Structures are given as structure tokens and as C-alpha cells.
Amino acid sequence: MRLVWPILLALLAAGCPYPNHRQDLRLRALPEDPEARELAIEQTLGIPMEPGNGMELVQNGRVFDVIEEEIRAARSSIHIASYIWRPGIPSDRLLIALRERAPGVQCRVIVDPLGSVNFEVVAPVLADAGCEVRIYRPYQGAVTALDAVRFRARMHRKMVIRDGEVALTGGFGIWRSWLGNGDAPETWRDTNIRVRGPVVRGMQLAFAQNWQESGGDFLPPESFPELAPAGDARALFVASTGHRFLSDASRMWLLSIASAKHRLWIANSYFLPSEAISDMLILKAREGVDVRVLVPGRHHDVGPVFAAQRASYARLLEAGVRIYEYEISMMHSKTLVADGLLSVVGSTNLDPLALSHTDEGSVMVEDRVLAEELAAAFEQDLTHSAEVHWHGWKRRGLLQKLGEQLPWLIGDFL
């Protein structure tokens, strides 16, 4: 927390990227024909949807059971990239599992220093367990306005990759906030996904690029095995990195929103959408799509971001977008479900940092079973949420005006 306000001030002094709306995507809908739809996705994101993937939702504190399970199952390598790794019970569990991993299993770990407070306590224990540890874009000294760009350009990805065959991503961090079931103020609500099949290669490639930038060498060939079909889902991994005008994170969100014809349900922990994304949500609502957005409520972990989030409501509510605030803990998921087919799960927020600066990773999936599971989880979350109603919000003209500026001045720093 001691870093947040100096960084915010540096950002305000340095200015934020101009959201060049006129150059954003002009997508309105995806083609009906399945082949044309797949080609449209590939054109937008530069990589195709691959068939043959298995998907498993991993909710809340169960994420640590799954990570530990994968560490103990590893036979050649375990790779972990995490924005947050801090000392505590979850860290201790994983350290024990890594120390007890099978002989010969290579362990590589990347963490971001901004999120991984007190990681200097963890690093020597990892090294003693035979893990190679890298710090992504390390920094020293006080933050100044001239440093603002490099302090925004963080690695916000959360990935665990076992043997190049099984991978986990989502919103998790290795810290106490992710223990429990998201049903009390101190335990965050979050959504992750364990994947098997060809899409894992894209996650391993994203790890490899972060590893190289952190001073690591090429990953060995055995980190990229031939991947047999492991399920019926079509999927791709969107590995976004910083871009001044139109990142792959923005492309992914705009494309996913454009795909909806009947139902568009989004859960996002730092909801500060760009004007282009807000306009797309409004367009869908006016077309009759059931557009709902679930965001953190009174347990938001960053007060200024919560204020900016609320400042974005007025235009959306007026157009018919339904907004819900999660009431019982910090809601940290980053998910989307469109109709009964397309889903997104990963680390990618709808805030200025994720859309323009940080390294992010999300799985985009076409699978009816996963879409229905995500929809069911979303409906369950709504039972712990309060809907924000337009008739009670329309008098907040000041917030509406602030909403045009604040979202591009404040981002996700935790």
C-alpha cells in the first residue's frame, strides 16, 4: 500500500495514453457461419482457435490445491509466473511442494516486484529448493514522473504450467487473500481455469518471452511437447502486452463483446472501461442483449479505483446495462460469457493498465459446457450482490462528468 499513492502521483504527472477511439475496432457482430466466425477471430487476434482442449473452472481457494497438485505431478518442468507472491500460508504450501517435487523437474519462477511485496523472504527458499527465480523489470529507488512508464509496464500475468501439457491461469495471486471461498471480507472471490491440450503451447510461449526479458535463456525443447487432444473445447490464449493505441487485450474484449447476440455477462475487478468498450456495451444493450456487469462493491481493495469505477456507471445504466456490486468480499474475477458459447477467463482487467500497459493473459474459449458453468457461477455471485439502479444514479451528474476522465488516470496497482 505504501507504493500506491507515489505511483498514482507519478502517473498523473506523466499523463496517460490518449484513448484513440476513432482508431479502435469497428466490430459490431461476428459472422453466423462457423468457418467465417473462426476466421474473424483469427483476423482480430492473429492466432486461430485450436480444437481439442479440456477446460476446468477452479474457483477461489481451491486454486492452491490445484497448483500443489500440478507441482507434485510434474515430471520435466514447472513454470510459475505471478504478479503477486508474498510470504504466508499459500506460499509456504507451494514451497513445500516444490521442495518435494520429483527428481530432475526443472523449476522456473518469475514474479513482478510491484505486486510481490516482501518476496525477498521467499526467493532464497525457492533457490534452496533448486528453483531458478527471476524478477521481472526490477526497479530501485523512489518513483518519479520520468519513471512512470516503466512502473506501469508490469507483468500482471498469473500462470502455472506443468510439463508444457497442463496450465492454470486466472486472477489468483500467491497470498492469503485467495484463501477461502470468497464469502468473507478477508477472502477474495476469484475465478481461474485449468487447461489441457494445444492451447497450453501459447501459454508456455508467453512464459518463455517473460522469462527471456527477465534474463533467462531459451526454454528447452521438452518444454514444448506435442500436445494430443484433451477435450472438445476450441480455445486460444491471448497474451497481451503494452500498446499505446490498440493492445491485444483491447482487441480481445471488443471482439468478445461484439460476439454477443442474446446474453453478455462480465465480471471484472477493476472496471474502468475505455470509451470504445463502453460504447460497445451500450450498443449491445440497445440491441436488446442482456448485458450485465459484476464489479467489486464496498470491499474494493483500492479506494480511488472504486471511485473511478462508480464514475463510469451513469452512461451504461442509462443505456440499459445492468450493473451489480459484489457485497461480501473483494470480487477479483476477470471473466466474460457471451450467449451460450464464448467464454473468457484470465488476468485481464478492463482498466487502463491492462488495456494499454501491462503484460496480461486470458484464455478465450468456445465451449457450451464451460459457458454454462461460468453463467451458473455468475448467477450465484449475483445472489451476494446489490444491483445499481439508474433511477438512484441519474442525479449524480458530477460523477458522470468525472467518469469521462478518472478511468484513464487510475489503474490497478495491487
Protein backbone atom coordinates (compact mmCIF):
# COMPACT_ATOMS: atom_id res chain seq x y z
CA MET A 1 0.00 0.00 0.00
CA ARG A 2 2.87 2.42 0.66
CA LEU A 3 3.69 2.42 -3.08
CA VAL A 4 0.24 3.21 -4.39
CA TRP A 5 -0.03 6.95 -3.89
CA PRO A 6 3.52 7.84 -5.11
CA ILE A 7 2.85 5.83 -8.26
CA LEU A 8 -0.55 7.44 -8.77
CA LEU A 9 1.01 10.86 -8.45
CA ALA A 10 3.72 9.92 -10.94
CA LEU A 11 1.09 8.76 -13.40
CA LEU A 12 -0.88 11.96 -13.04
CA ALA A 13 2.28 13.98 -13.64
CA ALA A 14 3.35 11.94 -16.65
CA GLY A 15 -0.09 11.72 -18.24
CA CYS A 16 -1.84 8.64 -19.61
CA PRO A 17 -2.17 7.39 -23.18
CA TYR A 18 -4.74 9.06 -25.33
CA PRO A 19 -7.62 6.60 -25.90
CA ASN A 20 -7.75 6.98 -29.66
CA HIS A 21 -11.33 5.87 -30.08
CA ARG A 22 -11.54 6.58 -33.81
CA GLN A 23 -8.79 4.05 -34.44
CA ASP A 24 -10.37 1.34 -32.32
CA LEU A 25 -12.11 -1.64 -33.86
CA ARG A 26 -15.42 -1.06 -35.61
CA LEU A 27 -16.73 -4.53 -34.89
CA ARG A 28 -20.46 -4.92 -34.32
CA ALA A 29 -21.07 -8.66 -34.66
CA LEU A 30 -19.33 -11.89 -35.63
CA PRO A 31 -20.38 -13.84 -38.72
CA GLU A 32 -23.04 -16.53 -38.31
CA ASP A 33 -21.18 -19.11 -40.41
CA PRO A 34 -18.84 -21.13 -38.11
CA GLU A 35 -15.93 -21.09 -40.56
CA ALA A 36 -16.25 -17.36 -41.15
CA ARG A 37 -16.55 -16.80 -37.38
CA GLU A 38 -13.30 -18.64 -36.71
CA LEU A 39 -11.55 -16.66 -39.45
CA ALA A 40 -12.89 -13.41 -37.96
CA ILE A 41 -11.38 -14.32 -34.58
CA GLU A 42 -8.03 -15.18 -36.17
CA GLN A 43 -8.01 -11.91 -38.15
CA THR A 44 -8.58 -9.89 -34.99
CA LEU A 45 -6.18 -11.62 -32.62
CA GLY A 46 -3.61 -13.01 -35.05
CA ILE A 47 -3.91 -16.60 -33.84
CA PRO A 48 -6.55 -19.25 -34.52
CA MET A 49 -8.88 -21.04 -32.18
CA GLU A 50 -7.47 -24.55 -31.76
CA PRO A 51 -9.70 -27.57 -31.16
CA GLY A 52 -9.12 -30.40 -28.70
CA ASN A 53 -8.81 -28.63 -25.35
CA GLY A 54 -10.04 -29.61 -21.90
CA MET A 55 -11.29 -26.89 -19.54
CA GLU A 56 -11.90 -26.95 -15.78
CA LEU A 57 -13.04 -23.98 -13.71
CA VAL A 58 -11.07 -23.51 -10.49
CA GLN A 59 -12.81 -21.21 -8.03
CA ASN A 60 -11.40 -19.29 -5.07
CA GLY A 61 -9.04 -21.01 -2.60
CA ARG A 62 -9.11 -24.32 -4.47
CA VAL A 63 -6.52 -22.75 -6.76
CA PHE A 64 -3.78 -23.66 -4.27
CA ASP A 65 -4.89 -27.30 -4.19
CA VAL A 66 -4.62 -27.38 -7.99
CA ILE A 67 -1.21 -25.68 -8.11
CA GLU A 68 0.14 -28.06 -5.47
CA GLU A 69 -1.35 -31.00 -7.39
CA GLU A 70 0.39 -29.92 -10.60
CA ILE A 71 3.74 -29.38 -8.87
CA ARG A 72 3.61 -32.89 -7.45
CA ALA A 73 2.56 -34.34 -10.84
CA ALA A 74 5.41 -32.65 -12.74
CA ARG A 75 7.93 -34.92 -14.48
CA SER A 76 10.02 -32.45 -16.51
CA SER A 77 9.22 -28.82 -15.59
CA ILE A 78 7.07 -26.50 -13.53
CA HIS A 79 6.86 -22.85 -14.58
CA ILE A 80 5.21 -20.18 -12.43
CA ALA A 81 4.61 -16.53 -13.39
CA SER A 82 2.85 -14.42 -10.79
CA TYR A 83 2.21 -10.73 -10.29
CA ILE A 84 1.71 -11.35 -6.56
CA TRP A 85 3.80 -13.78 -4.50
CA ARG A 86 4.03 -12.77 -0.86
CA PRO A 87 5.04 -14.69 2.28
CA GLY A 88 2.27 -16.54 4.07
CA ILE A 89 0.35 -19.81 4.21
CA PRO A 90 -0.22 -20.24 0.43
CA SER A 91 3.45 -19.51 -0.26
CA ASP A 92 4.56 -22.00 2.40
CA ARG A 93 2.35 -24.72 0.90
CA LEU A 94 3.83 -24.24 -2.56
CA LEU A 95 7.38 -24.03 -1.23
CA ILE A 96 6.95 -27.42 0.46
CA ALA A 97 5.53 -28.94 -2.73
CA LEU A 98 8.37 -27.52 -4.81
CA ARG A 99 10.96 -28.84 -2.40
CA GLU A 100 9.36 -32.29 -2.60
CA ARG A 101 8.87 -32.34 -6.39
CA ALA A 102 10.12 -35.31 -8.39
CA PRO A 103 13.87 -35.53 -9.06
CA GLY A 104 15.00 -33.79 -12.23
CA VAL A 105 11.98 -31.48 -12.54
CA GLN A 106 13.19 -28.04 -13.60
CA CYS A 107 11.54 -25.16 -11.73
CA ARG A 108 11.42 -21.64 -13.11
CA VAL A 109 9.67 -18.75 -11.34
CA ILE A 110 9.02 -15.16 -12.47
CA VAL A 111 7.45 -12.55 -10.21
CA ASP A 112 6.70 -8.87 -10.60
CA PRO A 113 8.32 -6.77 -7.87
CA LEU A 114 5.46 -4.27 -7.64
CA GLY A 115 2.91 -6.89 -6.60
CA SER A 116 5.27 -9.27 -4.80
CA VAL A 117 5.84 -7.33 -1.59
CA ASN A 118 8.45 -8.93 0.71
CA PHE A 119 9.33 -11.52 -1.94
CA GLU A 120 12.93 -11.22 -0.77
CA VAL A 121 11.87 -13.54 2.06
CA VAL A 122 10.59 -16.16 -0.39
CA ALA A 123 13.31 -16.02 -3.06
CA PRO A 124 16.13 -17.69 -1.09
CA VAL A 125 13.81 -20.53 -0.04
CA LEU A 126 12.92 -21.11 -3.70
CA ALA A 127 16.59 -21.04 -4.63
CA ASP A 128 17.39 -23.53 -1.87
CA ALA A 129 14.71 -25.79 -3.35
CA GLY A 130 16.52 -25.72 -6.69
CA CYS A 131 14.25 -23.21 -8.45
CA GLU A 132 15.60 -20.59 -10.80
CA VAL A 133 13.99 -17.28 -9.82
CA ARG A 134 13.72 -14.16 -11.96
CA ILE A 135 12.38 -10.68 -11.11
CA TYR A 136 10.53 -9.00 -13.97
CA ARG A 137 11.74 -5.48 -14.72
CA PRO A 138 13.25 -4.82 -11.29
CA TYR A 139 13.28 -1.25 -10.02
CA GLN A 140 15.19 0.69 -7.39
CA GLY A 141 14.70 3.94 -5.59
CA ALA A 142 11.79 6.36 -5.41
CA VAL A 143 9.23 6.76 -8.17
CA THR A 144 9.47 9.93 -10.26
CA ALA A 145 7.40 11.20 -13.13
CA LEU A 146 10.16 10.13 -15.52
CA ASP A 147 9.83 6.55 -14.21
CA ALA A 148 6.07 6.42 -14.72
CA VAL A 149 6.15 4.45 -17.96
CA ARG A 150 8.31 1.62 -16.64
CA PHE A 151 6.28 1.44 -13.43
CA ARG A 152 3.09 0.98 -15.43
CA ALA A 153 4.64 -1.68 -17.68
CA ARG A 154 4.36 -4.61 -15.26
CA MET A 155 3.82 -8.34 -15.68
CA HIS A 156 0.28 -8.92 -14.42
CA ARG A 157 0.03 -12.49 -15.74
CA LYS A 158 -0.77 -15.41 -13.45
CA MET A 159 0.28 -18.77 -14.92
CA VAL A 160 1.35 -22.19 -13.73
CA ILE A 161 2.49 -24.56 -16.50
CA ARG A 162 3.32 -28.21 -15.83
CA ASP A 163 5.45 -30.20 -18.31
CA GLY A 164 4.18 -27.98 -21.14
CA GLU A 165 0.98 -30.07 -21.04
CA VAL A 166 -1.30 -28.62 -18.33
CA ALA A 167 -1.66 -24.97 -17.36
CA LEU A 168 -3.57 -22.75 -14.97
CA THR A 169 -4.42 -19.08 -15.35
CA GLY A 170 -6.90 -16.60 -13.89
CA GLY A 171 -6.94 -13.85 -11.32
CA PHE A 172 -5.14 -15.63 -8.48
CA GLY A 173 -2.16 -14.37 -6.52
CA ILE A 174 0.00 -16.34 -4.14
CA TRP A 175 -1.13 -14.70 -0.91
CA ARG A 176 -3.67 -15.03 1.88
CA SER A 177 -6.38 -13.01 0.09
CA TRP A 178 -7.00 -16.00 -2.20
CA LEU A 179 -7.68 -18.47 0.62
CA GLY A 180 -11.27 -19.43 1.40
CA ASN A 181 -14.41 -19.18 -0.70
CA GLY A 182 -14.86 -15.50 -1.45
CA ASP A 183 -17.60 -15.25 1.15
CA ALA A 184 -15.97 -13.07 3.82
CA PRO A 185 -14.20 -9.68 3.67
CA GLU A 186 -10.72 -11.15 4.07
CA THR A 187 -11.16 -13.85 1.38
CA TRP A 188 -11.42 -12.67 -2.22
CA ARG A 189 -13.81 -14.02 -4.83
CA ASP A 190 -11.85 -15.17 -7.89
CA THR A 191 -12.08 -17.39 -10.96
CA ASN A 192 -9.34 -19.42 -12.61
CA ILE A 193 -9.17 -22.15 -15.23
CA ARG A 194 -7.07 -25.29 -15.66
CA VAL A 195 -6.48 -26.16 -19.31
CA ARG A 196 -5.16 -29.18 -21.18
CA GLY A 197 -4.47 -29.55 -24.87
CA PRO A 198 -2.98 -27.48 -27.71
CA VAL A 199 -3.78 -24.09 -26.12
CA VAL A 200 -1.14 -24.76 -23.45
CA ARG A 201 1.60 -24.10 -26.01
CA GLY A 202 0.53 -20.46 -26.27
CA MET A 203 0.79 -20.10 -22.51
CA GLN A 204 4.25 -21.68 -22.50
CA LEU A 205 5.36 -19.26 -25.23
CA ALA A 206 4.09 -16.31 -23.17
CA PHE A 207 6.06 -17.58 -20.19
CA ALA A 208 9.16 -18.01 -22.37
CA GLN A 209 9.00 -14.40 -23.53
CA ASN A 210 8.70 -13.07 -19.98
CA TRP A 211 11.48 -15.45 -18.93
CA GLN A 212 13.83 -14.11 -21.61
CA GLU A 213 13.07 -10.49 -20.72
CA SER A 214 13.84 -11.34 -17.10
CA GLY A 215 17.31 -12.62 -18.05
CA GLY A 216 16.52 -16.29 -18.65
CA ASP A 217 17.71 -18.45 -21.53
CA PHE A 218 15.66 -20.34 -24.12
CA LEU A 219 13.39 -22.99 -22.66
CA PRO A 220 14.50 -26.48 -23.69
CA PRO A 221 12.64 -28.46 -26.40
CA GLU A 222 10.97 -30.71 -23.82
CA SER A 223 9.06 -27.66 -22.59
CA PHE A 224 7.13 -27.75 -25.88
CA PRO A 225 5.88 -31.33 -26.31
CA GLU A 226 3.43 -32.47 -28.95
CA LEU A 227 0.00 -31.95 -27.41
CA ALA A 228 -2.69 -34.52 -28.01
CA PRO A 229 -6.40 -33.59 -27.92
CA ALA A 230 -7.65 -33.39 -24.33
CA GLY A 231 -11.27 -32.27 -24.74
CA ASP A 232 -13.87 -30.74 -27.03
CA ALA A 233 -13.24 -27.01 -26.49
CA ARG A 234 -11.84 -24.66 -29.09
CA ALA A 235 -9.52 -22.15 -27.44
CA LEU A 236 -6.70 -19.66 -27.78
CA PHE A 237 -4.50 -17.82 -25.28
CA VAL A 238 -4.45 -14.04 -25.65
CA ALA A 239 -1.03 -12.91 -24.42
CA SER A 240 -1.36 -9.15 -24.44
CA THR A 241 1.44 -6.68 -23.81
CA GLY A 242 1.65 -2.91 -23.69
CA HIS A 243 0.47 -0.94 -26.73
CA ARG A 244 -0.18 2.79 -26.96
CA PHE A 245 -3.25 2.56 -29.17
CA LEU A 246 -4.76 -0.91 -29.52
CA SER A 247 -3.42 -3.83 -27.48
CA ASP A 248 -4.46 -7.45 -27.86
CA ALA A 249 -6.27 -7.04 -24.52
CA SER A 250 -8.49 -4.35 -26.08
CA ARG A 251 -8.95 -6.45 -29.22
CA MET A 252 -10.00 -9.44 -27.11
CA TRP A 253 -12.59 -7.52 -25.10
CA LEU A 254 -14.05 -5.72 -28.12
CA LEU A 255 -14.24 -8.94 -30.12
CA SER A 256 -15.84 -10.86 -27.24
CA ILE A 257 -18.44 -8.14 -26.65
CA ALA A 258 -19.19 -7.98 -30.38
CA SER A 259 -19.89 -11.73 -30.41
CA ALA A 260 -22.92 -11.45 -28.09
CA LYS A 261 -26.38 -11.65 -29.61
CA HIS A 262 -28.52 -12.56 -26.59
CA ARG A 263 -26.51 -12.59 -23.34
CA LEU A 264 -23.31 -10.82 -22.26
CA TRP A 265 -22.26 -11.27 -18.65
CA ILE A 266 -18.96 -9.76 -17.49
CA ALA A 267 -17.26 -9.97 -14.09
CA ASN A 268 -14.29 -7.63 -13.71
CA SER A 269 -12.42 -6.50 -10.64
CA TYR A 270 -11.08 -3.17 -11.91
CA PHE A 271 -13.84 -1.93 -14.17
CA LEU A 272 -12.62 1.31 -15.78
CA PRO A 273 -13.55 0.67 -19.43
CA SER A 274 -12.24 2.74 -22.31
CA GLU A 275 -14.73 4.85 -24.22
CA ALA A 276 -14.66 2.34 -27.08
CA ILE A 277 -15.53 -0.57 -24.78
CA SER A 278 -18.25 1.43 -23.02
CA ASP A 279 -19.73 2.33 -26.40
CA MET A 280 -19.76 -1.34 -27.39
CA LEU A 281 -21.54 -2.32 -24.17
CA ILE A 282 -24.10 0.43 -24.76
CA LEU A 283 -24.61 -0.68 -28.37
CA LYS A 284 -25.27 -4.27 -27.27
CA ALA A 285 -27.72 -3.19 -24.57
CA ARG A 286 -29.63 -1.05 -27.06
CA GLU A 287 -29.75 -4.02 -29.45
CA GLY A 288 -31.61 -5.97 -26.77
CA VAL A 289 -28.70 -8.07 -25.49
CA ASP A 290 -28.90 -8.92 -21.77
CA VAL A 291 -25.76 -7.02 -20.70
CA ARG A 292 -24.77 -7.40 -17.06
CA VAL A 293 -21.56 -6.32 -15.35
CA LEU A 294 -20.46 -7.60 -11.93
CA VAL A 295 -17.90 -5.44 -10.12
CA PRO A 296 -16.50 -5.14 -6.59
CA GLY A 297 -18.59 -3.32 -4.01
CA ARG A 298 -17.81 -1.91 -0.59
CA HIS A 299 -14.88 -4.32 -0.04
CA HIS A 300 -12.92 -2.96 -3.01
CA ASP A 301 -9.21 -3.07 -2.17
CA VAL A 302 -8.27 0.26 -3.82
CA GLY A 303 -10.48 3.19 -2.84
CA PRO A 304 -9.57 5.57 -5.71
CA VAL A 305 -10.23 2.83 -8.26
CA PHE A 306 -13.62 2.14 -6.65
CA ALA A 307 -14.48 5.82 -7.01
CA ALA A 308 -13.44 5.82 -10.67
CA GLN A 309 -15.39 2.60 -11.26
CA ARG A 310 -18.56 4.18 -9.92
CA ALA A 311 -17.93 7.25 -12.05
CA SER A 312 -18.28 5.10 -15.17
CA TYR A 313 -21.79 3.83 -14.33
CA ALA A 314 -24.07 6.65 -15.50
CA ARG A 315 -23.81 6.25 -19.29
CA LEU A 316 -24.04 2.47 -19.04
CA LEU A 317 -27.05 2.45 -16.73
CA GLU A 318 -28.89 4.98 -18.86
CA ALA A 319 -28.44 2.72 -21.91
CA GLY A 320 -29.78 -0.36 -20.13
CA VAL A 321 -26.58 -2.09 -18.97
CA ARG A 322 -27.25 -3.76 -15.61
CA ILE A 323 -24.51 -3.30 -13.00
CA TYR A 324 -24.11 -5.27 -9.78
CA GLU A 325 -21.69 -4.69 -6.88
CA TYR A 326 -20.42 -7.76 -5.02
CA GLU A 327 -21.19 -7.17 -1.35
CA ILE A 328 -19.46 -9.80 0.78
CA SER A 329 -15.78 -9.60 -0.23
CA MET A 330 -13.44 -8.24 -2.88
CA MET A 331 -14.58 -9.59 -6.26
CA HIS A 332 -11.38 -10.20 -8.25
CA SER A 333 -12.57 -12.30 -11.23
CA LYS A 334 -11.92 -11.31 -14.85
CA THR A 335 -14.44 -13.30 -16.87
CA LEU A 336 -16.91 -12.98 -19.72
CA VAL A 337 -19.62 -15.27 -21.06
CA ALA A 338 -21.36 -14.43 -24.33
CA ASP A 339 -24.55 -16.30 -25.24
CA GLY A 340 -24.05 -20.00 -24.57
CA LEU A 341 -20.72 -20.45 -26.35
CA LEU A 342 -17.88 -17.95 -25.84
CA SER A 343 -16.05 -17.52 -22.53
CA VAL A 344 -13.04 -15.55 -21.32
CA VAL A 345 -11.08 -16.33 -18.13
CA GLY A 346 -7.73 -14.81 -17.18
CA SER A 347 -5.81 -11.93 -15.64
CA THR A 348 -7.02 -9.17 -17.97
CA ASN A 349 -8.87 -6.32 -16.30
CA LEU A 350 -10.95 -3.65 -18.00
CA ASP A 351 -8.74 -0.83 -16.77
CA PRO A 352 -6.16 1.49 -18.39
CA LEU A 353 -3.20 -0.59 -17.23
CA ALA A 354 -4.46 -3.90 -18.64
CA LEU A 355 -5.69 -2.26 -21.85
CA SER A 356 -2.52 -0.27 -22.57
CA HIS A 357 0.47 -1.14 -20.41
CA THR A 358 0.74 -4.47 -18.62
CA ASP A 359 1.52 -8.00 -19.77
CA GLU A 360 -1.73 -9.95 -19.44
CA GLY A 361 -3.02 -13.41 -20.31
CA SER A 362 -6.53 -14.78 -20.79
CA VAL A 363 -7.98 -17.91 -22.33
CA MET A 364 -10.75 -17.36 -24.88
CA VAL A 365 -12.86 -20.49 -25.23
CA GLU A 366 -15.70 -21.73 -27.40
CA ASP A 367 -17.37 -24.47 -25.37
CA ARG A 368 -21.01 -24.70 -24.31
CA VAL A 369 -20.29 -26.65 -21.14
CA LEU A 370 -17.78 -24.07 -19.86
CA ALA A 371 -20.08 -21.18 -20.84
CA GLU A 372 -22.93 -22.64 -18.81
CA GLU A 373 -20.67 -23.29 -15.82
CA LEU A 374 -19.47 -19.69 -15.91
CA ALA A 375 -23.04 -18.45 -16.26
CA ALA A 376 -24.12 -20.52 -13.26
CA ALA A 377 -21.22 -19.12 -11.19
CA PHE A 378 -22.18 -15.60 -12.29
CA GLU A 379 -25.79 -16.12 -11.22
CA GLN A 380 -24.61 -17.43 -7.86
CA ASP A 381 -22.44 -14.34 -7.41
CA LEU A 382 -25.46 -12.13 -8.10
CA THR A 383 -27.15 -13.57 -5.02
CA HIS A 384 -24.37 -11.88 -2.99
CA SER A 385 -24.57 -8.62 -4.92
CA ALA A 386 -26.63 -5.42 -4.98
CA GLU A 387 -27.89 -4.11 -8.30
CA VAL A 388 -27.20 -0.44 -9.03
CA HIS A 389 -30.39 1.17 -10.34
CA TRP A 390 -30.48 4.03 -12.81
CA HIS A 391 -33.23 5.97 -11.02
CA GLY A 392 -30.97 6.24 -7.97
CA TRP A 393 -27.91 7.09 -10.01
CA LYS A 394 -29.07 9.66 -12.55
CA ARG A 395 -28.83 12.54 -10.07
CA ARG A 396 -25.08 12.03 -9.78
CA GLY A 397 -24.17 14.42 -12.59
CA LEU A 398 -20.77 15.20 -11.10
CA LEU A 399 -19.78 11.56 -11.15
CA GLN A 400 -20.88 11.30 -14.75
CA LYS A 401 -18.56 14.14 -15.67
CA LEU A 402 -15.71 12.69 -13.64
CA GLY A 403 -16.33 9.37 -15.33
CA GLU A 404 -15.08 10.84 -18.59
CA GLN A 405 -11.64 11.46 -17.04
CA LEU A 406 -10.98 9.30 -13.98
CA PRO A 407 -10.84 5.84 -15.57
CA TRP A 408 -7.80 6.83 -17.64
CA LEU A 409 -5.99 8.33 -14.66
CA ILE A 410 -6.33 5.48 -12.18
CA GLY A 411 -5.49 1.81 -12.67
CA ASP A 412 -4.95 -1.49 -10.87
CA PHE A 413 -1.81 -1.37 -8.73
CA LEU A 414 -2.34 -4.34 -6.40
